[in-house]
N, C-alpha and C. Protein backbone atom coordinates (compact mmCIF):
# COMPACT_ATOMS: atom_id res chain seq x y z
N MET A 1 0.84 -1.17 0.00
CA MET A 1 0.00 0.00 0.00
C MET A 1 0.89 1.23 0.00
N PHE A 2 0.51 2.22 -0.79
CA PHE A 2 1.27 3.46 -0.84
C PHE A 2 0.94 4.32 0.36
N SER A 3 1.92 5.07 0.82
CA SER A 3 1.76 5.90 2.01
C SER A 3 1.64 7.36 1.64
N LYS A 4 1.06 8.10 2.57
CA LYS A 4 0.98 9.55 2.48
C LYS A 4 1.70 10.08 3.70
N PRO A 5 2.25 11.30 3.63
CA PRO A 5 3.00 11.82 4.78
C PRO A 5 2.23 11.77 6.09
N ASP A 6 0.93 12.10 6.09
CA ASP A 6 0.18 12.09 7.34
C ASP A 6 0.00 10.67 7.87
N GLN A 7 -0.07 9.68 6.97
CA GLN A 7 -0.16 8.29 7.41
C GLN A 7 1.13 7.85 8.09
N LEU A 8 2.26 8.31 7.56
CA LEU A 8 3.55 7.95 8.17
C LEU A 8 3.66 8.52 9.57
N ILE A 9 3.20 9.75 9.76
CA ILE A 9 3.26 10.36 11.10
C ILE A 9 2.39 9.58 12.07
N LYS A 10 1.21 9.15 11.63
CA LYS A 10 0.33 8.36 12.49
C LYS A 10 1.00 7.07 12.92
N ARG A 11 1.71 6.42 11.98
CA ARG A 11 2.33 5.12 12.29
C ARG A 11 3.58 5.26 13.14
N THR A 12 4.35 6.33 12.93
CA THR A 12 5.61 6.46 13.67
C THR A 12 5.49 7.39 14.87
N GLY A 13 4.44 8.18 14.93
CA GLY A 13 4.29 9.13 16.01
C GLY A 13 5.17 10.35 15.75
N LYS A 14 4.85 11.42 16.39
CA LYS A 14 5.58 12.67 16.14
C LYS A 14 7.03 12.60 16.63
N LYS A 15 7.30 11.72 17.60
CA LYS A 15 8.65 11.61 18.11
C LYS A 15 9.34 10.33 17.65
N GLY A 16 8.68 9.56 16.80
CA GLY A 16 9.27 8.33 16.29
C GLY A 16 10.34 8.64 15.25
N VAL A 17 11.05 7.62 14.85
CA VAL A 17 12.07 7.78 13.81
C VAL A 17 11.35 8.01 12.49
N GLY A 18 11.67 9.10 11.81
CA GLY A 18 11.06 9.41 10.53
C GLY A 18 11.53 8.44 9.45
N ARG A 19 10.80 8.42 8.38
CA ARG A 19 11.12 7.51 7.28
C ARG A 19 12.52 7.75 6.73
N TYR A 20 12.85 9.01 6.47
CA TYR A 20 14.18 9.32 5.93
C TYR A 20 15.27 8.84 6.90
N ASP A 21 15.09 9.14 8.16
CA ASP A 21 16.09 8.74 9.16
C ASP A 21 16.22 7.22 9.23
N TYR A 22 15.10 6.53 9.14
CA TYR A 22 15.13 5.07 9.18
C TYR A 22 15.87 4.52 7.96
N LEU A 23 15.57 5.06 6.79
CA LEU A 23 16.27 4.61 5.58
C LEU A 23 17.76 4.91 5.67
N GLN A 24 18.10 6.05 6.26
CA GLN A 24 19.51 6.38 6.45
C GLN A 24 20.19 5.39 7.38
N LEU A 25 19.47 4.96 8.42
CA LEU A 25 20.02 3.95 9.32
C LEU A 25 20.26 2.64 8.58
N LEU A 26 19.36 2.27 7.69
CA LEU A 26 19.55 1.05 6.90
C LEU A 26 20.80 1.15 6.03
N VAL A 27 20.96 2.28 5.35
CA VAL A 27 22.13 2.47 4.49
C VAL A 27 23.41 2.41 5.31
N THR A 28 23.40 3.06 6.46
CA THR A 28 24.58 3.04 7.34
C THR A 28 24.87 1.62 7.81
N GLU A 29 23.82 0.89 8.18
CA GLU A 29 24.01 -0.50 8.61
C GLU A 29 24.64 -1.32 7.49
N PHE A 30 24.16 -1.13 6.27
CA PHE A 30 24.73 -1.86 5.14
C PHE A 30 26.22 -1.56 5.00
N GLN A 31 26.58 -0.29 5.12
CA GLN A 31 27.97 0.11 4.95
C GLN A 31 28.87 -0.38 6.08
N ASP A 32 28.32 -0.48 7.28
CA ASP A 32 29.13 -0.81 8.45
C ASP A 32 29.24 -2.30 8.74
N THR A 33 28.27 -3.08 8.32
CA THR A 33 28.26 -4.49 8.71
C THR A 33 29.24 -5.30 7.87
N LYS A 34 29.77 -6.32 8.48
CA LYS A 34 30.65 -7.27 7.79
C LYS A 34 29.88 -8.54 7.41
N SER A 35 28.70 -8.71 7.98
CA SER A 35 27.90 -9.92 7.79
C SER A 35 27.17 -9.88 6.45
N GLU A 36 27.39 -10.92 5.64
CA GLU A 36 26.68 -11.03 4.35
C GLU A 36 25.19 -11.17 4.58
N GLU A 37 24.81 -11.93 5.59
CA GLU A 37 23.39 -12.12 5.88
C GLU A 37 22.73 -10.80 6.26
N ALA A 38 23.41 -9.99 7.06
CA ALA A 38 22.86 -8.68 7.44
C ALA A 38 22.74 -7.77 6.22
N LYS A 39 23.75 -7.82 5.34
CA LYS A 39 23.68 -7.02 4.11
C LYS A 39 22.49 -7.44 3.26
N GLU A 40 22.28 -8.74 3.13
CA GLU A 40 21.15 -9.24 2.36
C GLU A 40 19.84 -8.73 2.94
N GLN A 41 19.72 -8.78 4.26
CA GLN A 41 18.49 -8.34 4.92
C GLN A 41 18.27 -6.84 4.70
N VAL A 42 19.32 -6.05 4.79
CA VAL A 42 19.20 -4.60 4.59
C VAL A 42 18.78 -4.30 3.15
N VAL A 43 19.41 -4.96 2.19
CA VAL A 43 19.07 -4.70 0.79
C VAL A 43 17.63 -5.14 0.50
N ALA A 44 17.20 -6.25 1.09
CA ALA A 44 15.81 -6.68 0.93
C ALA A 44 14.86 -5.62 1.49
N ASN A 45 15.21 -5.05 2.63
CA ASN A 45 14.39 -3.99 3.22
C ASN A 45 14.37 -2.75 2.33
N LEU A 46 15.52 -2.35 1.82
CA LEU A 46 15.57 -1.19 0.92
C LEU A 46 14.74 -1.43 -0.33
N ALA A 47 14.81 -2.64 -0.87
CA ALA A 47 14.01 -2.98 -2.05
C ALA A 47 12.52 -2.88 -1.74
N ASN A 48 12.12 -3.31 -0.55
CA ASN A 48 10.72 -3.20 -0.16
C ASN A 48 10.29 -1.74 -0.01
N PHE A 49 11.15 -0.92 0.57
CA PHE A 49 10.82 0.50 0.70
C PHE A 49 10.76 1.18 -0.66
N ALA A 50 11.47 0.65 -1.64
CA ALA A 50 11.47 1.22 -2.99
C ALA A 50 10.13 1.01 -3.69
N TYR A 51 9.27 0.21 -3.12
CA TYR A 51 7.95 -0.05 -3.70
C TYR A 51 7.02 1.16 -3.54
N ASP A 52 7.21 1.95 -2.49
CA ASP A 52 6.31 3.05 -2.16
C ASP A 52 6.85 4.37 -2.71
N PRO A 53 6.11 5.03 -3.60
CA PRO A 53 6.58 6.28 -4.21
C PRO A 53 6.96 7.36 -3.20
N ILE A 54 6.39 7.34 -2.00
CA ILE A 54 6.74 8.37 -1.02
C ILE A 54 8.22 8.28 -0.63
N ASN A 55 8.83 7.12 -0.84
CA ASN A 55 10.23 6.92 -0.48
C ASN A 55 11.21 7.28 -1.60
N PHE A 56 10.72 7.50 -2.81
CA PHE A 56 11.61 7.72 -3.95
C PHE A 56 12.61 8.85 -3.70
N GLU A 57 12.13 9.98 -3.24
CA GLU A 57 13.02 11.11 -3.01
C GLU A 57 14.05 10.80 -1.92
N TYR A 58 13.61 10.15 -0.85
CA TYR A 58 14.52 9.79 0.23
C TYR A 58 15.62 8.86 -0.29
N LEU A 59 15.21 7.88 -1.07
CA LEU A 59 16.17 6.90 -1.59
C LEU A 59 17.16 7.56 -2.55
N ARG A 60 16.68 8.53 -3.33
CA ARG A 60 17.60 9.28 -4.21
C ARG A 60 18.62 10.05 -3.38
N LYS A 61 18.13 10.76 -2.36
CA LYS A 61 19.03 11.56 -1.50
C LYS A 61 20.08 10.70 -0.82
N LEU A 62 19.72 9.48 -0.50
CA LEU A 62 20.63 8.57 0.20
C LEU A 62 21.50 7.75 -0.77
N ASN A 63 21.42 8.04 -2.05
CA ASN A 63 22.19 7.35 -3.09
C ASN A 63 21.95 5.84 -3.12
N VAL A 64 20.73 5.45 -2.78
CA VAL A 64 20.39 4.03 -2.78
C VAL A 64 20.40 3.47 -4.20
N ILE A 65 20.03 4.28 -5.19
CA ILE A 65 20.05 3.79 -6.57
C ILE A 65 21.46 3.37 -6.95
N ASN A 66 22.43 4.18 -6.62
CA ASN A 66 23.83 3.83 -6.92
C ASN A 66 24.24 2.56 -6.18
N LEU A 67 23.84 2.47 -4.92
CA LEU A 67 24.16 1.29 -4.13
C LEU A 67 23.60 0.03 -4.80
N LEU A 68 22.33 0.10 -5.19
CA LEU A 68 21.70 -1.07 -5.80
C LEU A 68 22.33 -1.41 -7.14
N LEU A 69 22.63 -0.41 -7.95
CA LEU A 69 23.29 -0.68 -9.24
C LEU A 69 24.66 -1.31 -9.02
N ASP A 70 25.41 -0.83 -8.04
CA ASP A 70 26.73 -1.39 -7.75
C ASP A 70 26.64 -2.85 -7.31
N LEU A 71 25.58 -3.18 -6.59
CA LEU A 71 25.43 -4.55 -6.09
C LEU A 71 25.18 -5.56 -7.20
N LEU A 72 24.76 -5.11 -8.36
CA LEU A 72 24.47 -6.04 -9.46
C LEU A 72 25.73 -6.70 -10.00
N SER A 73 26.90 -6.21 -9.62
CA SER A 73 28.15 -6.84 -10.06
C SER A 73 28.78 -7.72 -8.96
N GLU A 74 28.05 -7.91 -7.87
CA GLU A 74 28.55 -8.75 -6.78
C GLU A 74 28.45 -10.23 -7.14
N ASP A 75 29.07 -11.07 -6.34
CA ASP A 75 29.00 -12.52 -6.52
C ASP A 75 27.84 -13.13 -5.74
N ASN A 76 27.30 -12.41 -4.79
CA ASN A 76 26.25 -12.90 -3.91
C ASN A 76 24.90 -12.86 -4.64
N THR A 77 24.34 -14.02 -4.95
CA THR A 77 23.09 -14.13 -5.71
C THR A 77 21.93 -13.43 -5.02
N LYS A 78 21.84 -13.56 -3.71
CA LYS A 78 20.75 -12.91 -2.97
C LYS A 78 20.86 -11.39 -3.03
N LEU A 79 22.07 -10.86 -2.87
CA LEU A 79 22.25 -9.41 -2.96
C LEU A 79 21.82 -8.91 -4.34
N ILE A 80 22.21 -9.63 -5.37
CA ILE A 80 21.84 -9.24 -6.73
C ILE A 80 20.32 -9.29 -6.89
N GLN A 81 19.72 -10.37 -6.43
CA GLN A 81 18.26 -10.54 -6.55
C GLN A 81 17.52 -9.39 -5.86
N TYR A 82 17.90 -9.08 -4.64
CA TYR A 82 17.22 -8.03 -3.89
C TYR A 82 17.50 -6.65 -4.49
N ALA A 83 18.74 -6.42 -4.88
CA ALA A 83 19.09 -5.12 -5.47
C ALA A 83 18.31 -4.89 -6.76
N LEU A 84 18.23 -5.90 -7.59
CA LEU A 84 17.51 -5.76 -8.85
C LEU A 84 16.01 -5.59 -8.60
N GLY A 85 15.49 -6.26 -7.59
CA GLY A 85 14.09 -6.05 -7.21
C GLY A 85 13.84 -4.60 -6.80
N GLY A 86 14.79 -4.03 -6.07
CA GLY A 86 14.68 -2.62 -5.68
C GLY A 86 14.73 -1.69 -6.88
N ILE A 87 15.64 -1.97 -7.80
CA ILE A 87 15.74 -1.15 -9.02
C ILE A 87 14.45 -1.26 -9.83
N CYS A 88 13.92 -2.45 -9.92
CA CYS A 88 12.67 -2.67 -10.64
C CYS A 88 11.55 -1.82 -10.03
N ASN A 89 11.52 -1.71 -8.72
CA ASN A 89 10.53 -0.86 -8.06
C ASN A 89 10.80 0.62 -8.30
N LEU A 90 12.04 1.02 -8.21
CA LEU A 90 12.41 2.43 -8.34
C LEU A 90 12.24 2.99 -9.75
N VAL A 91 12.42 2.15 -10.75
CA VAL A 91 12.43 2.61 -12.13
C VAL A 91 11.06 3.09 -12.60
N LEU A 92 10.03 2.82 -11.83
CA LEU A 92 8.70 3.27 -12.21
C LEU A 92 8.55 4.79 -12.08
N ASP A 93 9.43 5.42 -11.31
CA ASP A 93 9.43 6.87 -11.18
C ASP A 93 10.23 7.47 -12.33
N PRO A 94 9.67 8.46 -13.05
CA PRO A 94 10.38 9.04 -14.20
C PRO A 94 11.77 9.59 -13.87
N GLU A 95 11.91 10.23 -12.72
CA GLU A 95 13.23 10.78 -12.34
C GLU A 95 14.23 9.65 -12.09
N ASN A 96 13.78 8.60 -11.41
CA ASN A 96 14.65 7.45 -11.17
C ASN A 96 15.01 6.76 -12.47
N LYS A 97 14.03 6.61 -13.36
CA LYS A 97 14.26 5.97 -14.65
C LYS A 97 15.35 6.72 -15.41
N GLU A 98 15.22 8.03 -15.47
CA GLU A 98 16.20 8.85 -16.19
C GLU A 98 17.59 8.69 -15.58
N TYR A 99 17.64 8.68 -14.26
CA TYR A 99 18.93 8.54 -13.57
C TYR A 99 19.56 7.17 -13.87
N ILE A 100 18.75 6.12 -13.78
CA ILE A 100 19.25 4.76 -14.03
C ILE A 100 19.74 4.64 -15.48
N LEU A 101 19.00 5.20 -16.42
CA LEU A 101 19.45 5.19 -17.81
C LEU A 101 20.77 5.94 -17.96
N HIS A 102 20.88 7.08 -17.28
CA HIS A 102 22.10 7.89 -17.33
C HIS A 102 23.31 7.14 -16.74
N CYS A 103 23.05 6.25 -15.81
CA CYS A 103 24.12 5.47 -15.14
C CYS A 103 24.45 4.18 -15.88
N ASN A 104 24.12 4.10 -17.16
CA ASN A 104 24.39 2.90 -17.96
C ASN A 104 23.55 1.72 -17.48
N GLY A 105 22.35 2.03 -17.01
CA GLY A 105 21.49 1.03 -16.41
C GLY A 105 21.09 -0.11 -17.31
N VAL A 106 20.89 0.17 -18.61
CA VAL A 106 20.48 -0.91 -19.52
C VAL A 106 21.56 -1.98 -19.57
N LYS A 107 22.80 -1.56 -19.70
CA LYS A 107 23.91 -2.52 -19.76
C LYS A 107 24.04 -3.28 -18.44
N ILE A 108 23.93 -2.56 -17.33
CA ILE A 108 24.08 -3.18 -16.02
C ILE A 108 22.96 -4.18 -15.77
N VAL A 109 21.73 -3.77 -16.04
CA VAL A 109 20.57 -4.65 -15.81
C VAL A 109 20.59 -5.83 -16.77
N SER A 110 20.91 -5.59 -18.04
CA SER A 110 20.89 -6.69 -19.01
C SER A 110 21.95 -7.74 -18.71
N SER A 111 23.00 -7.36 -17.99
CA SER A 111 24.01 -8.36 -17.60
C SER A 111 23.42 -9.41 -16.65
N CYS A 112 22.31 -9.08 -16.01
CA CYS A 112 21.65 -10.01 -15.08
C CYS A 112 20.77 -11.02 -15.80
N LEU A 113 20.58 -10.86 -17.11
CA LEU A 113 19.77 -11.82 -17.86
C LEU A 113 20.40 -13.21 -17.88
N SER A 114 21.70 -13.28 -17.66
CA SER A 114 22.39 -14.57 -17.68
C SER A 114 22.42 -15.26 -16.31
N SER A 115 21.74 -14.69 -15.35
CA SER A 115 21.71 -15.26 -14.00
C SER A 115 21.02 -16.62 -14.00
N CYS A 116 21.45 -17.47 -13.08
CA CYS A 116 20.80 -18.76 -12.87
C CYS A 116 19.61 -18.63 -11.93
N ASP A 117 19.44 -17.47 -11.32
CA ASP A 117 18.36 -17.24 -10.36
C ASP A 117 17.12 -16.73 -11.09
N GLU A 118 16.03 -17.46 -10.97
CA GLU A 118 14.78 -17.13 -11.66
C GLU A 118 14.28 -15.72 -11.33
N GLU A 119 14.26 -15.36 -10.05
CA GLU A 119 13.75 -14.05 -9.65
C GLU A 119 14.60 -12.92 -10.24
N THR A 120 15.90 -13.14 -10.31
CA THR A 120 16.78 -12.13 -10.89
C THR A 120 16.48 -11.94 -12.37
N VAL A 121 16.30 -13.02 -13.09
CA VAL A 121 15.99 -12.94 -14.52
C VAL A 121 14.65 -12.23 -14.73
N LEU A 122 13.66 -12.59 -13.94
CA LEU A 122 12.35 -11.95 -14.05
C LEU A 122 12.43 -10.45 -13.77
N SER A 123 13.17 -10.08 -12.75
CA SER A 123 13.34 -8.66 -12.43
C SER A 123 14.11 -7.94 -13.53
N ALA A 124 15.10 -8.61 -14.10
CA ALA A 124 15.87 -7.98 -15.18
C ALA A 124 14.98 -7.71 -16.39
N ILE A 125 14.18 -8.69 -16.77
CA ILE A 125 13.28 -8.50 -17.92
C ILE A 125 12.29 -7.38 -17.62
N SER A 126 11.68 -7.42 -16.46
CA SER A 126 10.71 -6.38 -16.07
C SER A 126 11.34 -5.01 -16.05
N THR A 127 12.52 -4.91 -15.47
CA THR A 127 13.20 -3.62 -15.38
C THR A 127 13.52 -3.09 -16.77
N LEU A 128 13.99 -3.95 -17.66
CA LEU A 128 14.27 -3.51 -19.03
C LEU A 128 12.99 -2.98 -19.69
N MET A 129 11.88 -3.64 -19.47
CA MET A 129 10.62 -3.15 -20.05
C MET A 129 10.26 -1.79 -19.48
N PHE A 130 10.45 -1.61 -18.17
CA PHE A 130 10.14 -0.33 -17.54
C PHE A 130 11.10 0.77 -17.97
N LEU A 131 12.30 0.40 -18.39
CA LEU A 131 13.30 1.39 -18.82
C LEU A 131 13.10 1.87 -20.26
N VAL A 132 12.18 1.28 -20.97
CA VAL A 132 11.99 1.67 -22.38
C VAL A 132 11.47 3.10 -22.47
N THR A 133 12.20 3.88 -23.22
CA THR A 133 11.80 5.23 -23.63
C THR A 133 12.14 5.30 -25.12
N PRO A 134 11.66 6.33 -25.80
CA PRO A 134 12.06 6.44 -27.21
C PRO A 134 13.59 6.45 -27.39
N GLN A 135 14.30 7.04 -26.44
CA GLN A 135 15.76 7.11 -26.55
C GLN A 135 16.45 5.79 -26.18
N SER A 136 15.90 5.07 -25.22
CA SER A 136 16.56 3.84 -24.75
C SER A 136 16.12 2.59 -25.52
N LYS A 137 15.04 2.68 -26.26
CA LYS A 137 14.50 1.50 -26.93
C LYS A 137 15.50 0.80 -27.85
N PRO A 138 16.27 1.54 -28.67
CA PRO A 138 17.23 0.82 -29.52
C PRO A 138 18.23 -0.04 -28.73
N GLU A 139 18.69 0.47 -27.60
CA GLU A 139 19.62 -0.31 -26.78
C GLU A 139 18.92 -1.51 -26.13
N ILE A 140 17.69 -1.30 -25.68
CA ILE A 140 16.96 -2.36 -24.98
C ILE A 140 16.51 -3.45 -25.96
N THR A 141 16.30 -3.09 -27.20
CA THR A 141 15.90 -4.07 -28.20
C THR A 141 17.07 -4.42 -29.12
N SER A 142 18.26 -4.35 -28.58
CA SER A 142 19.46 -4.69 -29.34
C SER A 142 19.45 -6.17 -29.70
N PRO A 143 20.20 -6.56 -30.72
CA PRO A 143 20.24 -7.99 -31.09
C PRO A 143 20.62 -8.92 -29.93
N THR A 144 21.53 -8.48 -29.09
CA THR A 144 21.95 -9.33 -27.97
C THR A 144 20.80 -9.57 -27.00
N ILE A 145 20.10 -8.51 -26.62
CA ILE A 145 18.97 -8.66 -25.69
C ILE A 145 17.84 -9.41 -26.37
N LEU A 146 17.58 -9.13 -27.64
CA LEU A 146 16.52 -9.86 -28.36
C LEU A 146 16.83 -11.36 -28.41
N SER A 147 18.08 -11.70 -28.63
CA SER A 147 18.46 -13.12 -28.65
C SER A 147 18.14 -13.78 -27.31
N CYS A 148 18.44 -13.09 -26.22
CA CYS A 148 18.10 -13.62 -24.88
C CYS A 148 16.60 -13.81 -24.76
N MET A 149 15.83 -12.82 -25.18
CA MET A 149 14.38 -12.90 -25.04
C MET A 149 13.80 -14.02 -25.91
N ILE A 150 14.37 -14.22 -27.07
CA ILE A 150 13.91 -15.31 -27.93
C ILE A 150 14.18 -16.65 -27.26
N GLN A 151 15.37 -16.79 -26.66
CA GLN A 151 15.67 -18.03 -25.93
C GLN A 151 14.73 -18.20 -24.74
N PHE A 152 14.50 -17.12 -24.01
CA PHE A 152 13.60 -17.18 -22.86
C PHE A 152 12.17 -17.52 -23.28
N SER A 153 11.77 -17.09 -24.47
CA SER A 153 10.39 -17.32 -24.92
C SER A 153 10.11 -18.80 -25.20
N THR A 154 11.15 -19.62 -25.17
CA THR A 154 10.97 -21.07 -25.33
C THR A 154 11.35 -21.82 -24.05
N SER A 155 11.52 -21.09 -22.97
CA SER A 155 11.95 -21.68 -21.70
C SER A 155 10.90 -22.64 -21.14
N GLN A 156 11.37 -23.64 -20.40
CA GLN A 156 10.48 -24.54 -19.68
C GLN A 156 9.79 -23.81 -18.52
N ASN A 157 10.42 -22.75 -18.04
CA ASN A 157 9.88 -21.97 -16.94
C ASN A 157 8.79 -21.04 -17.49
N ALA A 158 7.55 -21.28 -17.09
CA ALA A 158 6.42 -20.52 -17.64
C ALA A 158 6.50 -19.03 -17.33
N ARG A 159 6.98 -18.67 -16.15
CA ARG A 159 7.07 -17.25 -15.78
C ARG A 159 8.05 -16.52 -16.69
N ILE A 160 9.21 -17.11 -16.89
CA ILE A 160 10.22 -16.50 -17.76
C ILE A 160 9.72 -16.50 -19.20
N ARG A 161 9.18 -17.61 -19.65
CA ARG A 161 8.67 -17.72 -21.02
C ARG A 161 7.60 -16.66 -21.30
N ASN A 162 6.64 -16.52 -20.38
CA ASN A 162 5.55 -15.56 -20.58
C ASN A 162 6.04 -14.11 -20.57
N LEU A 163 6.95 -13.79 -19.66
CA LEU A 163 7.44 -12.41 -19.59
C LEU A 163 8.28 -12.08 -20.82
N ALA A 164 9.10 -13.01 -21.27
CA ALA A 164 9.90 -12.78 -22.49
C ALA A 164 8.99 -12.61 -23.70
N THR A 165 7.91 -13.37 -23.75
CA THR A 165 6.95 -13.25 -24.86
C THR A 165 6.30 -11.87 -24.84
N VAL A 166 5.94 -11.39 -23.66
CA VAL A 166 5.38 -10.04 -23.54
C VAL A 166 6.39 -9.01 -24.03
N PHE A 167 7.64 -9.16 -23.63
CA PHE A 167 8.70 -8.25 -24.08
C PHE A 167 8.75 -8.23 -25.61
N LEU A 168 8.81 -9.40 -26.21
CA LEU A 168 8.93 -9.49 -27.67
C LEU A 168 7.70 -8.91 -28.37
N GLU A 169 6.53 -9.17 -27.83
CA GLU A 169 5.31 -8.70 -28.47
C GLU A 169 5.05 -7.21 -28.26
N ASP A 170 5.40 -6.69 -27.09
CA ASP A 170 5.07 -5.30 -26.76
C ASP A 170 6.16 -4.29 -27.09
N TYR A 171 7.40 -4.73 -27.16
CA TYR A 171 8.49 -3.77 -27.34
C TYR A 171 9.27 -3.96 -28.64
N CYS A 172 8.93 -4.97 -29.40
CA CYS A 172 9.67 -5.26 -30.63
C CYS A 172 8.69 -5.43 -31.79
N SER A 173 9.14 -5.04 -32.95
CA SER A 173 8.32 -5.28 -34.14
C SER A 173 8.50 -6.74 -34.56
N PRO A 174 7.53 -7.28 -35.28
CA PRO A 174 7.69 -8.65 -35.79
C PRO A 174 8.94 -8.79 -36.66
N GLU A 175 9.29 -7.75 -37.37
CA GLU A 175 10.48 -7.79 -38.23
C GLU A 175 11.76 -7.88 -37.39
N GLU A 176 11.81 -7.13 -36.29
CA GLU A 176 12.98 -7.19 -35.40
C GLU A 176 13.14 -8.60 -34.81
N VAL A 177 12.03 -9.16 -34.39
CA VAL A 177 12.06 -10.49 -33.79
C VAL A 177 12.51 -11.52 -34.82
N GLU A 178 11.97 -11.43 -36.02
CA GLU A 178 12.34 -12.38 -37.07
C GLU A 178 13.82 -12.25 -37.44
N ALA A 179 14.30 -11.02 -37.56
CA ALA A 179 15.72 -10.81 -37.87
C ALA A 179 16.60 -11.39 -36.75
N ALA A 180 16.20 -11.17 -35.51
CA ALA A 180 16.97 -11.72 -34.39
C ALA A 180 16.93 -13.24 -34.39
N ARG A 181 15.77 -13.80 -34.73
CA ARG A 181 15.67 -15.27 -34.81
C ARG A 181 16.61 -15.81 -35.89
N GLN A 182 16.65 -15.17 -37.02
CA GLN A 182 17.53 -15.61 -38.12
C GLN A 182 18.99 -15.55 -37.67
N ASN A 183 19.36 -14.47 -36.98
CA ASN A 183 20.74 -14.34 -36.49
C ASN A 183 21.05 -15.36 -35.41
N THR A 184 20.08 -15.62 -34.52
CA THR A 184 20.28 -16.60 -33.45
C THR A 184 20.48 -17.99 -34.03
N TRP A 185 19.67 -18.35 -34.99
CA TRP A 185 19.76 -19.69 -35.56
C TRP A 185 20.98 -19.87 -36.43
N SER A 186 21.51 -18.79 -36.97
CA SER A 186 22.67 -18.93 -37.85
C SER A 186 23.99 -19.00 -37.08
N LEU A 187 23.93 -18.75 -35.78
CA LEU A 187 25.17 -18.78 -34.99
C LEU A 187 25.72 -20.14 -34.81
């Protein structure tokens, strides 16, 4: 459920820890802890807070977008999964979308398409769809990404297969898909 400022005050009380302060505590905990499990838990919490638009500005101020993008190059599958889930939530905001695109987000997110983790792949496909703008579409529908989507569209995993099919049908022309299929099969 999305929050409004007055609802947050009711839940936290006038002397309770404010949302911004709480998010700042999470970021600090992530930076200070040595425990991988604690880091995973913090990133999962940040990803959940990224679901509510009232937090978008706070998360931008705290550089959480950069933190999440940086985590996509980690070796820890859970950190990547949670970070990408957070990015997927944040990208729905136009300002966040523009920032993520400016930070080479398409390349960073598309690198997660090769993950063995189902949730990561699903979040990567969803995030790429949410990142489509007239300017970013050529990069998002590049032959490399189209080849991945074509492979995913024949996956045994129904969730991945269905989402890849939506990507191909909604963001690509039939001619682009056919050309990519011809290139994929000729390799």
